[in-house]
Amino acid sequence: MIYDLISMLYQPLFLSAGGLIFVVLHLGLHRTRPGSRYLLLTAAAWLLAALDQWYMTTYQPQMNIRIDALLFLALMLFTTPLGILAVAFGKRIPR
């Protein structure tokens, strides 16, 4: 069941949308929250995973054992909470 959910969400369109959401959050918060630059690291991880998934589905669809997906999933699982917590607990800059 978990594998089906991950395989459904680990598609280039969903990963790209997630990366763009973090870029938009950074652009919206970069003047008031200094920790928002970590959202760019999160966005880069999501967009790299989308690029890798697109490449694999386009040019190597016969691959069924994907070690590279584990690397990107681990990178996303590490950077996503880091970016969100850095924004949430970072000090706020008054305007």
C-alpha atoms as a PDB file:
ATOM      1  CA  MET A   1       0.000   0.000   0.000  1.00  0.00           C
ATOM      2  CA  ILE A   2       2.772   2.468   0.875  1.00  0.00           C
ATOM      3  CA  TYR A   3       4.687   1.438  -2.239  1.00  0.00           C
ATOM      4  CA  ASP A   4       1.633   2.185  -4.389  1.00  0.00           C
ATOM      5  CA  LEU A   5       1.272   5.622  -2.826  1.00  0.00           C
ATOM      6  CA  ILE A   6       4.948   6.437  -3.328  1.00  0.00           C
ATOM      7  CA  SER A   7       4.922   5.196  -6.918  1.00  0.00           C
ATOM      8  CA  MET A   8       1.799   7.253  -7.606  1.00  0.00           C
ATOM      9  CA  LEU A   9       3.280  10.450  -6.157  1.00  0.00           C
ATOM     10  CA  TYR A  10       6.830   9.920  -7.452  1.00  0.00           C
ATOM     11  CA  GLN A  11       5.963  11.201 -10.927  1.00  0.00           C
ATOM     12  CA  PRO A  12       7.707  14.074 -12.736  1.00  0.00           C
ATOM     13  CA  LEU A  13       4.615  16.287 -12.706  1.00  0.00           C
ATOM     14  CA  PHE A  14       4.010  15.985  -8.949  1.00  0.00           C
ATOM     15  CA  LEU A  15       7.700  16.356  -8.126  1.00  0.00           C
ATOM     16  CA  SER A  16       7.995  19.459 -10.332  1.00  0.00           C
ATOM     17  CA  ALA A  17       4.905  20.964  -8.722  1.00  0.00           C
ATOM     18  CA  GLY A  18       6.379  20.339  -5.269  1.00  0.00           C
ATOM     19  CA  GLY A  19       9.653  21.991  -6.265  1.00  0.00           C
ATOM     20  CA  LEU A  20       7.851  25.005  -7.704  1.00  0.00           C
ATOM     21  CA  ILE A  21       5.770  25.362  -4.535  1.00  0.00           C
ATOM     22  CA  PHE A  22       8.964  25.633  -2.489  1.00  0.00           C
ATOM     23  CA  VAL A  23      10.384  28.225  -4.916  1.00  0.00           C
ATOM     24  CA  VAL A  24       7.186  30.285  -4.624  1.00  0.00           C
ATOM     25  CA  LEU A  25       7.307  30.013  -0.822  1.00  0.00           C
ATOM     26  CA  HIS A  26      10.899  31.233  -0.864  1.00  0.00           C
ATOM     27  CA  LEU A  27      10.019  34.184  -3.079  1.00  0.00           C
ATOM     28  CA  GLY A  28       7.128  35.095  -0.811  1.00  0.00           C
ATOM     29  CA  LEU A  29       9.102  34.835   2.427  1.00  0.00           C
ATOM     30  CA  HIS A  30      12.645  35.882   1.521  1.00  0.00           C
ATOM     31  CA  ARG A  31      12.266  39.460   2.779  1.00  0.00           C
ATOM     32  CA  THR A  32      10.831  38.602   6.171  1.00  0.00           C
ATOM     33  CA  ARG A  33      12.363  35.214   6.993  1.00  0.00           C
ATOM     34  CA  PRO A  34      16.129  34.689   6.680  1.00  0.00           C
ATOM     35  CA  GLY A  35      15.738  30.896   6.856  1.00  0.00           C
ATOM     36  CA  SER A  36      13.741  30.836   3.637  1.00  0.00           C
ATOM     37  CA  ARG A  37      16.916  30.252   1.617  1.00  0.00           C
ATOM     38  CA  TYR A  38      16.762  26.652   2.818  1.00  0.00           C
ATOM     39  CA  LEU A  39      13.554  26.316   0.841  1.00  0.00           C
ATOM     40  CA  LEU A  40      15.677  26.660  -2.301  1.00  0.00           C
ATOM     41  CA  LEU A  41      17.669  23.616  -1.224  1.00  0.00           C
ATOM     42  CA  THR A  42      14.410  21.744  -0.765  1.00  0.00           C
ATOM     43  CA  ALA A  43      13.165  22.917  -4.154  1.00  0.00           C
ATOM     44  CA  ALA A  44      16.408  21.808  -5.787  1.00  0.00           C
ATOM     45  CA  ALA A  45      16.045  18.325  -4.290  1.00  0.00           C
ATOM     46  CA  TRP A  46      12.463  18.021  -5.559  1.00  0.00           C
ATOM     47  CA  LEU A  47      13.323  19.357  -9.018  1.00  0.00           C
ATOM     48  CA  LEU A  48      16.347  17.062  -9.341  1.00  0.00           C
ATOM     49  CA  ALA A  49      14.147  14.110  -8.430  1.00  0.00           C
ATOM     50  CA  ALA A  50      11.644  15.219 -11.086  1.00  0.00           C
ATOM     51  CA  LEU A  51      14.392  15.504 -13.682  1.00  0.00           C
ATOM     52  CA  ASP A  52      15.754  12.083 -12.799  1.00  0.00           C
ATOM     53  CA  GLN A  53      12.304  10.498 -12.897  1.00  0.00           C
ATOM     54  CA  TRP A  54      11.542  12.121 -16.259  1.00  0.00           C
ATOM     55  CA  TYR A  55      14.837  10.872 -17.687  1.00  0.00           C
ATOM     56  CA  MET A  56      14.261   7.346 -16.450  1.00  0.00           C
ATOM     57  CA  THR A  57      10.706   7.104 -17.730  1.00  0.00           C
ATOM     58  CA  THR A  58      11.625   8.641 -21.089  1.00  0.00           C
ATOM     59  CA  TYR A  59      14.944   7.069 -21.970  1.00  0.00           C
ATOM     60  CA  GLN A  60      15.167   3.925 -19.838  1.00  0.00           C
ATOM     61  CA  PRO A  61      11.623   2.642 -19.211  1.00  0.00           C
ATOM     62  CA  GLN A  62      12.829  -0.968 -18.918  1.00  0.00           C
ATOM     63  CA  MET A  63      14.603  -0.232 -15.628  1.00  0.00           C
ATOM     64  CA  ASN A  64      12.611  -1.695 -12.750  1.00  0.00           C
ATOM     65  CA  ILE A  65      15.194  -1.591  -9.950  1.00  0.00           C
ATOM     66  CA  ARG A  66      15.912   2.040  -9.169  1.00  0.00           C
ATOM     67  CA  ILE A  67      18.700   2.720  -6.708  1.00  0.00           C
ATOM     68  CA  ASP A  68      18.876   6.351  -7.799  1.00  0.00           C
ATOM     69  CA  ALA A  69      15.284   6.899  -6.652  1.00  0.00           C
ATOM     70  CA  LEU A  70      16.324   5.942  -3.115  1.00  0.00           C
ATOM     71  CA  LEU A  71      18.994   8.631  -3.160  1.00  0.00           C
ATOM     72  CA  PHE A  72      16.539  11.307  -4.244  1.00  0.00           C
ATOM     73  CA  LEU A  73      13.869  10.145  -1.807  1.00  0.00           C
ATOM     74  CA  ALA A  74      16.383  10.318   1.034  1.00  0.00           C
ATOM     75  CA  LEU A  75      17.500  13.775  -0.094  1.00  0.00           C
ATOM     76  CA  MET A  76      13.900  14.965  -0.229  1.00  0.00           C
ATOM     77  CA  LEU A  77      13.086  13.450   3.176  1.00  0.00           C
ATOM     78  CA  PHE A  78      16.085  15.228   4.695  1.00  0.00           C
ATOM     79  CA  THR A  79      15.745  18.658   3.090  1.00  0.00           C
ATOM     80  CA  THR A  80      11.963  19.109   3.245  1.00  0.00           C
ATOM     81  CA  PRO A  81      11.645  19.173   7.062  1.00  0.00           C
ATOM     82  CA  LEU A  82      14.896  21.158   7.282  1.00  0.00           C
ATOM     83  CA  GLY A  83      13.528  23.875   5.006  1.00  0.00           C
ATOM     84  CA  ILE A  84      10.149  24.024   6.710  1.00  0.00           C
ATOM     85  CA  LEU A  85      11.640  24.111  10.212  1.00  0.00           C
ATOM     86  CA  ALA A  86      14.200  26.754   9.225  1.00  0.00           C
ATOM     87  CA  VAL A  87      11.388  29.017   8.050  1.00  0.00           C
ATOM     88  CA  ALA A  88       9.129  28.268  11.002  1.00  0.00           C
ATOM     89  CA  PHE A  89      11.719  28.735  13.737  1.00  0.00           C
ATOM     90  CA  GLY A  90      13.961  31.325  12.100  1.00  0.00           C
ATOM     91  CA  LYS A  91      13.847  34.816  13.515  1.00  0.00           C
ATOM     92  CA  ARG A  92      11.618  37.255  11.730  1.00  0.00           C
ATOM     93  CA  ILE A  93      13.030  40.429  10.190  1.00  0.00           C
ATOM     94  CA  PRO A  94      10.806  43.464  10.822  1.00  0.00           C
ATOM     95  CA  ARG A  95       9.889  45.516   7.762  1.00  0.00           C
END
